[in-house]
Protein backbone atom coordinates (compact mmCIF):
# COMPACT_ATOMS: atom_id res chain seq x y z
CA UNK A 1 4.97 19.64 15.49
CA UNK A 2 3.45 22.14 12.70
CA UNK A 3 1.59 21.05 9.46
CA UNK A 4 4.59 21.97 7.64
CA UNK A 5 6.98 20.33 10.25
CA UNK A 6 5.15 16.90 9.10
CA UNK A 7 5.17 18.15 5.45
CA UNK A 8 9.08 18.18 5.44
CA UNK A 9 8.88 14.68 7.62
CA UNK A 10 6.84 13.10 4.98
CA UNK A 11 9.52 14.58 1.66
CA UNK A 12 12.32 13.26 3.92
CA UNK A 13 10.83 9.95 4.48
CA UNK A 14 10.06 9.58 0.61
CA UNK A 15 13.41 10.53 -0.39
CA UNK A 16 14.72 7.42 1.62
CA UNK A 17 12.64 5.31 0.31
CA UNK A 18 13.09 5.98 -3.12
CA UNK A 19 16.98 5.71 -2.17
CA UNK A 20 16.14 2.71 -0.72
CA UNK A 21 14.42 0.54 -3.50
CA UNK A 22 17.57 1.00 -5.43
CA UNK A 23 19.03 -1.19 -2.75
CA UNK A 24 19.39 -4.93 -3.98
CA UNK A 25 18.76 -6.23 -0.83
CA UNK A 26 15.34 -4.82 -0.64
CA UNK A 27 14.74 -5.50 -4.28
CA UNK A 28 15.36 -9.29 -3.44
CA UNK A 29 12.98 -9.28 -0.76
CA UNK A 30 10.03 -9.13 -2.56
CA UNK A 31 7.65 -8.64 0.86
CA UNK A 32 9.85 -5.73 1.87
CA UNK A 33 9.70 -4.39 -1.65
CA UNK A 34 6.21 -4.33 -2.08
CA UNK A 35 5.56 -2.86 1.74
CA UNK A 36 7.80 0.29 0.10
CA UNK A 37 6.21 0.58 -2.79
CA UNK A 38 3.09 0.61 -1.09
CA UNK A 39 4.52 3.69 1.16
CA UNK A 40 5.59 5.61 -1.49
CA UNK A 41 2.44 5.25 -3.63
CA UNK A 42 0.77 6.88 -0.17
CA UNK A 43 3.28 9.32 0.51
CA UNK A 44 3.28 11.00 -3.37
CA UNK A 45 0.68 12.93 -4.12
CA UNK A 46 1.35 14.50 -0.32
CA UNK A 47 4.71 15.09 -1.83
CA UNK A 48 3.89 16.45 -5.00
CA UNK A 49 0.94 18.82 -3.52
CA UNK A 50 3.30 19.99 -1.19
CA UNK A 51 6.22 20.78 -4.15
CA UNK A 52 3.66 22.69 -5.35
CA UNK A 53 2.86 24.88 -2.67
CA UNK A 54 6.65 25.34 -2.05
CA UNK A 55 6.80 26.48 -6.05
CA UNK A 56 3.69 29.24 -5.28
CA UNK A 57 5.33 30.47 -1.88
CA UNK A 58 9.15 31.01 -3.79
CA UNK A 59 6.93 32.98 -6.47
CA UNK A 60 4.60 35.06 -4.17
CA UNK A 61 7.72 35.94 -2.13
CA UNK A 62 9.83 36.82 -4.94
CA UNK A 63 6.72 38.72 -6.25
CA UNK A 64 7.14 40.53 -3.18
CA UNK A 65 10.12 41.59 -3.06
CA UNK A 66 9.68 42.93 -6.62
CA UNK A 67 7.02 44.97 -5.48
CA UNK A 68 9.25 45.87 -2.27
CA UNK A 69 11.95 47.28 -4.10
CA UNK A 70 10.12 49.71 -6.11
CA UNK A 71 11.78 50.80 -9.78
CA UNK A 72 8.82 49.34 -11.55
CA UNK A 73 6.90 50.86 -14.25
CA UNK A 74 3.02 51.09 -14.50
CA UNK A 75 2.95 47.94 -16.68
CA UNK A 76 5.44 46.09 -14.86
CA UNK A 77 3.81 46.26 -11.36
CA UNK A 78 0.60 45.19 -12.61
CA UNK A 79 1.95 42.09 -13.92
CA UNK A 80 4.00 41.57 -10.41
CA UNK A 81 0.89 42.32 -8.44
CA UNK A 82 -1.03 39.67 -10.35
CA UNK A 83 1.65 37.32 -9.55
CA UNK A 84 1.29 38.24 -6.10
CA UNK A 85 -2.49 37.68 -6.34
CA UNK A 86 -2.64 34.73 -7.88
CA UNK A 87 0.63 32.84 -5.97
CA UNK A 88 -1.26 33.72 -2.53
CA UNK A 89 -4.43 32.34 -4.02
CA UNK A 90 -2.44 29.23 -5.32
CA UNK A 91 -1.01 29.06 -1.72
CA UNK A 92 -4.37 29.47 0.40
CA UNK A 93 -5.53 26.10 -1.71
CA UNK A 94 -2.90 24.11 -1.62
CA UNK A 95 -2.69 24.70 2.24
CA UNK A 96 -6.36 23.06 2.16
CA UNK A 97 -5.46 20.21 0.38
CA UNK A 98 -2.51 19.44 2.19
CA UNK A 99 -4.36 19.10 5.19
CA UNK A 100 -7.00 16.46 3.74
CA UNK A 101 -3.45 14.86 2.40
CA UNK A 102 -2.41 14.41 5.91
CA UNK A 103 -5.46 13.01 7.45
CA UNK A 104 -4.33 9.48 8.55
CA UNK A 105 -5.66 6.86 6.12
CA UNK A 106 -7.70 4.40 6.88
CA UNK A 107 -5.17 1.41 6.70
CA UNK A 108 -8.14 -0.53 5.25
CA UNK A 109 -9.03 1.58 2.37
CA UNK A 110 -6.69 -0.52 -0.45
CA UNK A 111 -8.31 -4.17 0.01
CA UNK A 112 -10.85 -6.42 -1.41
CA UNK A 113 -14.10 -6.46 0.26
CA UNK A 114 -16.86 -8.82 1.59
CA UNK A 115 -19.98 -7.47 1.18
CA UNK A 116 -23.44 -9.14 3.25
CA UNK A 117 -26.47 -8.53 2.40
CA UNK A 118 -29.79 -9.94 4.41
CA UNK A 119 -33.44 -9.10 4.48
CA UNK A 120 -35.03 -7.69 7.11
CA UNK A 121 -37.99 -5.85 8.56
CA UNK A 122 -40.74 -6.98 5.94
CA UNK A 123 -40.86 -10.52 4.94
CA UNK A 124 -40.80 -11.34 1.38
CA UNK A 125 -40.65 -7.99 0.73
CA UNK A 126 -37.22 -7.76 2.60
CA UNK A 127 -36.14 -10.32 0.89
CA UNK A 128 -37.07 -8.69 -2.60
CA UNK A 129 -35.42 -5.71 -1.61
CA UNK A 130 -31.88 -7.61 -0.30
CA UNK A 131 -31.80 -8.85 -4.39
CA UNK A 132 -32.65 -5.00 -5.55
CA UNK A 133 -29.52 -4.18 -3.49
CA UNK A 134 -27.40 -6.80 -4.38
CA UNK A 135 -28.18 -5.81 -7.72
CA UNK A 136 -27.29 -2.61 -7.14
CA UNK A 137 -24.05 -2.95 -6.07
CA UNK A 138 -22.65 -5.78 -8.48
CA UNK A 139 -23.58 -2.89 -10.76
CA UNK A 140 -21.53 -0.50 -9.25
CA UNK A 141 -18.87 -2.64 -8.75
CA UNK A 142 -18.66 -3.74 -12.38
CA UNK A 143 -19.54 0.37 -13.62
CA UNK A 144 -15.78 0.81 -10.98
CA UNK A 145 -13.88 -2.27 -13.19
CA UNK A 146 -13.83 -3.86 -9.60
CA UNK A 147 -14.60 -7.80 -10.00
CA UNK A 148 -17.43 -9.80 -8.04
CA UNK A 149 -17.76 -12.98 -6.66
CA UNK A 150 -19.96 -14.60 -5.06
CA UNK A 151 -20.06 -16.63 -2.16
CA UNK A 152 -23.14 -17.49 -0.15
CA UNK A 153 -26.99 -17.11 -1.69
CA UNK A 154 -29.83 -18.21 0.15
CA UNK A 155 -32.82 -17.51 -2.03
CA UNK A 156 -36.67 -17.64 -1.99
CA UNK A 157 -39.56 -19.04 -4.33
CA UNK A 158 -40.32 -15.86 -5.36
CA UNK A 159 -36.87 -14.59 -6.62
CA UNK A 160 -35.82 -12.68 -3.08
CA UNK A 161 -32.71 -12.84 -0.98
CA UNK A 162 -32.49 -14.16 2.52
CA UNK A 163 -29.20 -13.60 2.83
CA UNK A 164 -26.23 -13.40 0.32
CA UNK A 165 -22.27 -12.89 0.71
CA UNK A 166 -19.93 -11.69 -2.06
CA UNK A 167 -16.34 -10.87 -2.22
CA UNK A 168 -15.98 -6.98 -4.21
CA UNK A 169 -11.77 -7.44 -5.45
CA UNK A 170 -10.10 -4.25 -7.00
CA UNK A 171 -8.39 -1.27 -5.54
CA UNK A 172 -9.63 0.56 -3.25
CA UNK A 173 -13.12 -1.72 -2.93
CA UNK A 174 -13.03 -0.79 0.52
CA UNK A 175 -12.94 2.82 0.63
CA UNK A 176 -15.82 2.74 -2.15
CA UNK A 177 -18.42 0.55 0.07
CA UNK A 178 -17.04 1.26 3.81
CA UNK A 179 -19.83 3.51 3.90
CA UNK A 180 -22.75 1.11 3.44
CA UNK A 181 -23.09 -0.30 6.70
CA UNK A 182 -26.04 -0.30 8.21
CA UNK A 183 -29.95 -1.04 7.76
CA UNK A 184 -31.29 0.01 4.94
CA UNK A 185 -35.22 1.38 3.99
CA UNK A 186 -37.31 1.12 1.28
CA UNK A 187 -41.00 1.78 0.82
CA UNK A 188 -42.77 1.03 -2.31
CA UNK A 189 -45.62 -1.14 -3.43
CA UNK A 190 -44.59 -4.68 -3.65
CA UNK A 191 -45.28 -7.10 -6.48
CA UNK A 192 -47.47 -8.84 -4.03
CA UNK A 193 -49.75 -6.23 -3.22
CA UNK A 194 -52.68 -6.24 -4.72
CA UNK A 195 -54.17 -3.08 -3.03
CA UNK A 196 -51.41 -1.03 -3.66
CA UNK A 197 -50.77 -0.08 -0.63
CA UNK A 198 -47.31 1.49 0.02
CA UNK A 199 -45.22 -1.04 2.51
CA UNK A 200 -42.07 -0.25 4.45
CA UNK A 201 -39.16 -2.73 4.57
CA UNK A 202 -35.92 -3.15 5.15
CA UNK A 203 -32.32 -5.04 4.45
CA UNK A 204 -28.68 -5.03 6.81
CA UNK A 205 -25.55 -4.50 4.59
CA UNK A 206 -22.48 -5.54 6.81
CA UNK A 207 -19.63 -4.47 4.75
CA UNK A 208 -15.85 -6.12 5.96
CA UNK A 209 -12.55 -5.62 5.02
CA UNK A 210 -11.07 -9.08 3.09
CA UNK A 211 -8.31 -9.89 5.76
CA UNK A 212 -5.02 -12.08 5.30
CA UNK A 213 -4.02 -15.18 6.72
CA UNK A 214 -1.29 -13.52 8.89
CA UNK A 215 -3.63 -10.59 10.52
CA UNK A 216 -5.78 -13.60 12.20
CA UNK A 217 -4.55 -16.01 13.56
CA UNK A 218 -7.75 -18.81 14.11
CA UNK A 219 -6.94 -22.40 16.02
CA UNK A 220 -8.08 -24.80 14.02
CA UNK A 221 -8.97 -26.27 17.53
CA UNK A 222 -12.10 -23.28 17.65
CA UNK A 223 -13.51 -24.84 14.42
CA UNK A 224 -16.16 -27.13 13.51
CA UNK A 225 -16.66 -27.86 9.96
CA UNK A 226 -19.83 -29.57 8.84
CA UNK A 227 -20.74 -30.32 5.03
CA UNK A 228 -24.26 -30.36 2.93
CA UNK A 229 -25.29 -30.47 -0.23
CA UNK A 230 -25.62 -27.13 -2.10
CA UNK A 231 -29.61 -26.21 -2.28
CA UNK A 232 -32.42 -23.51 -1.79
CA UNK A 233 -35.06 -21.90 -4.21
CA UNK A 234 -33.16 -21.28 -7.56
CA UNK A 235 -30.03 -22.05 -5.64
CA UNK A 236 -27.05 -21.32 -8.03
CA UNK A 237 -25.02 -25.01 -8.40
CA UNK A 238 -27.50 -27.38 -6.08
CA UNK A 239 -25.83 -30.71 -6.55
CA UNK A 240 -25.55 -34.30 -5.17
CA UNK A 241 -22.61 -34.19 -3.20
CA UNK A 242 -21.73 -32.53 -0.07
CA UNK A 243 -19.43 -29.52 -1.24
CA UNK A 244 -21.25 -26.49 0.29
CA UNK A 245 -19.23 -25.85 4.00
CA UNK A 246 -20.64 -24.47 7.04
CA UNK A 247 -17.74 -23.23 9.58
CA UNK A 248 -18.63 -22.69 13.34
CA UNK A 249 -16.18 -20.60 15.15
CA UNK A 250 -17.04 -22.24 18.64
CA UNK A 251 -15.10 -19.28 20.70
CA UNK A 252 -17.75 -16.42 19.36
CA UNK A 253 -20.77 -18.46 17.98
CA UNK A 254 -20.25 -17.37 14.91
CA UNK A 255 -21.41 -19.51 11.67
CA UNK A 256 -20.54 -18.77 8.41
CA UNK A 257 -21.73 -20.49 5.45
CA UNK A 258 -20.33 -21.08 1.73
CA UNK A 259 -21.77 -23.30 -1.35
CA UNK A 260 -21.16 -21.60 -4.52
CA UNK A 261 -18.18 -23.48 -5.71
CA UNK A 262 -18.55 -27.19 -6.56
CA UNK A 263 -15.27 -28.25 -5.00
CA UNK A 264 -15.40 -28.25 -1.27
CA UNK A 265 -11.65 -26.76 -0.94
CA UNK A 266 -12.79 -23.20 -2.26
CA UNK A 267 -15.93 -23.38 -0.51
CA UNK A 268 -13.70 -23.46 2.72
CA UNK A 269 -11.66 -21.60 1.49
CA UNK A 270 -14.00 -18.63 0.68
CA UNK A 271 -15.95 -19.15 3.91
CA UNK A 272 -12.57 -18.24 6.31
CA UNK A 273 -12.22 -15.15 4.36
CA UNK A 274 -15.38 -14.20 5.65
CA UNK A 275 -14.53 -16.03 9.12
CA UNK A 276 -11.34 -13.81 9.22
CA UNK A 277 -12.95 -10.40 8.31
CA UNK A 278 -15.84 -10.82 11.03
CA UNK A 279 -13.68 -11.66 13.88
CA UNK A 280 -11.25 -8.79 12.37
CA UNK A 281 -14.06 -6.48 12.75
CA UNK A 282 -15.65 -7.78 16.31
CA UNK A 283 -11.82 -7.19 17.18
CA UNK A 284 -11.76 -3.39 15.22
CA UNK A 285 -15.47 -2.94 17.01
CA UNK A 286 -13.98 -3.77 20.65
CA UNK A 287 -11.00 -1.71 19.88
CA UNK A 288 -13.11 1.70 18.99
CA UNK A 289 -15.36 0.97 22.17
CA UNK A 290 -12.63 0.74 24.63
CA UNK A 291 -11.37 4.39 23.13
CA UNK A 292 -14.57 6.05 23.03
CA UNK A 293 -17.79 4.21 24.03
CA UNK A 294 -19.58 7.17 23.20
CA UNK A 295 -18.61 8.89 20.27
CA UNK A 296 -20.24 8.79 17.11
CA UNK A 297 -19.50 10.04 13.75
CA UNK A 298 -21.49 12.12 11.40
CA UNK A 299 -20.47 9.74 8.86
CA UNK A 300 -19.52 5.70 9.24
CA UNK A 301 -20.63 4.62 12.60
CA UNK A 302 -20.80 1.11 10.87
CA UNK A 303 -23.66 0.54 13.54
CA UNK A 304 -25.64 -2.09 11.74
CA UNK A 305 -28.82 -0.93 13.96
CA UNK A 306 -28.74 2.76 12.13
CA UNK A 307 -31.09 3.43 9.86
CA UNK A 308 -28.48 5.01 7.28
CA UNK A 309 -30.42 5.32 3.97
CA UNK A 310 -34.10 5.49 2.74
CA UNK A 311 -35.24 4.09 -1.05
CA UNK A 312 -38.46 5.81 -1.51
CA UNK A 313 -39.69 4.82 -5.16
CA UNK A 314 -43.49 6.21 -5.67
CA UNK A 315 -41.29 9.98 -4.96
CA UNK A 316 -38.22 8.55 -6.89
CA UNK A 317 -36.21 9.48 -4.10
CA UNK A 318 -33.55 7.83 -2.31
CA UNK A 319 -32.14 9.86 1.30
CA UNK A 320 -29.05 9.30 2.93
CA UNK A 321 -30.06 10.33 6.44
CA UNK A 322 -26.55 10.46 7.97
CA UNK A 323 -25.83 13.78 5.70
CA UNK A 324 -28.96 14.72 4.59
CA UNK A 325 -28.46 14.22 0.92
CA UNK A 326 -31.57 13.57 -1.17
CA UNK A 327 -31.29 12.37 -4.94
CA UNK A 328 -34.39 12.52 -7.14
CA UNK A 329 -32.93 9.96 -9.33
CA UNK A 330 -33.86 6.10 -7.46
CA UNK A 331 -33.60 4.43 -11.50
CA UNK A 332 -30.11 5.19 -11.87
CA UNK A 333 -29.43 4.93 -8.15
CA UNK A 334 -30.67 1.30 -8.31
CA UNK A 335 -28.73 0.53 -11.73
CA UNK A 336 -26.22 1.38 -9.88
CA UNK A 337 -25.18 5.05 -10.56
CA UNK A 338 -23.74 5.22 -7.04
CA UNK A 339 -21.09 7.31 -7.35
CA UNK A 340 -22.88 10.99 -6.28
CA UNK A 341 -23.94 9.58 -3.17
CA UNK A 342 -20.39 7.94 -2.20
CA UNK A 343 -18.47 10.77 -3.19
CA UNK A 344 -20.80 12.95 -0.55
CA UNK A 345 -20.30 10.58 2.26
CA UNK A 346 -16.27 10.30 1.49
CA UNK A 347 -16.61 14.50 1.52
CA UNK A 348 -18.41 14.53 4.40
CA UNK A 349 -16.25 12.22 6.38
CA UNK A 350 -13.04 14.12 5.52
CA UNK A 351 -14.44 17.71 6.46
CA UNK A 352 -15.69 15.86 10.32
CA UNK A 353 -11.92 14.54 10.74
CA UNK A 354 -10.65 17.98 9.35
CA UNK A 355 -12.55 19.87 11.88
CA UNK A 356 -11.57 17.13 15.01
CA UNK A 357 -8.04 17.69 14.06
CA UNK A 358 -8.59 21.26 14.45
CA UNK A 359 -10.23 21.04 17.76
CA UNK A 360 -7.32 19.00 18.66
CA UNK A 361 -4.75 21.23 17.68
């Protein structure tokens, strides 16, 4: 099947959905209606671009036919030749854009995202760096109009973070954060360093799509749920009631904690969100390994042992090692100005997928 056969099928499906959206039975079925609305939203940019391509193709054919017929004066011939050239340029551009639009979408792209940050190598400095990353991501989320919600935080006495987990909610949140998963390295002079020596520390970031209850079934018998009092240096809501929740998933040994809310019920609800996301990620990783154990994409392998980025404060630079991009504006990046980095990662990922699609065909 050629690309244009696929496009014809997409357009046919788009028209079919638009007709079905007027069906009273569909309108009365809220879940089905939402499902079709989501599908038509995903198909709309493809169909619109395909129709632009068809229009350019028609203009090109008409111009070519006029030139073949002859009988045009010099001025008219020049106009038709210009139309032929411009329409051919549009055809070429639209064809490339359509190739990108037809790439399989990540089904998780529109989901909310759960982000977990943990201090790594480097002791207290790694905890301070984890705190800097948490600030960076929440500032970026705010700049995109997303909502961030703290779930659990374990702080140090000096203001660092041993570990923190939070949810970022908003359309396309996962698509913007998904390439952040991995080991982040920092090179700077710690506040605790009297001699002015540069230290290298790391923090680990895990990025998980938020998963609905129905997608991951969890047997209550597989859970050990413990309650305890929220605590910790500089804790968000240190209280005297046992509202904090610790859930252990016995089959896998996964442990999830949440203590940000005063309500035990709300903490349990949030902890279950994290547990579902982790189990889903584990399931997806097992599937990916089964399909291609030794295949690694240029971007977004999700391997948390992989060093993905270095933040060098003395030189004022941030380097993403996956795509070889270095930016000399570390201050604005740490203040949440991440679009240039993320856009470059998205572009590299698309380019690799296009190449893989071309190799497969």
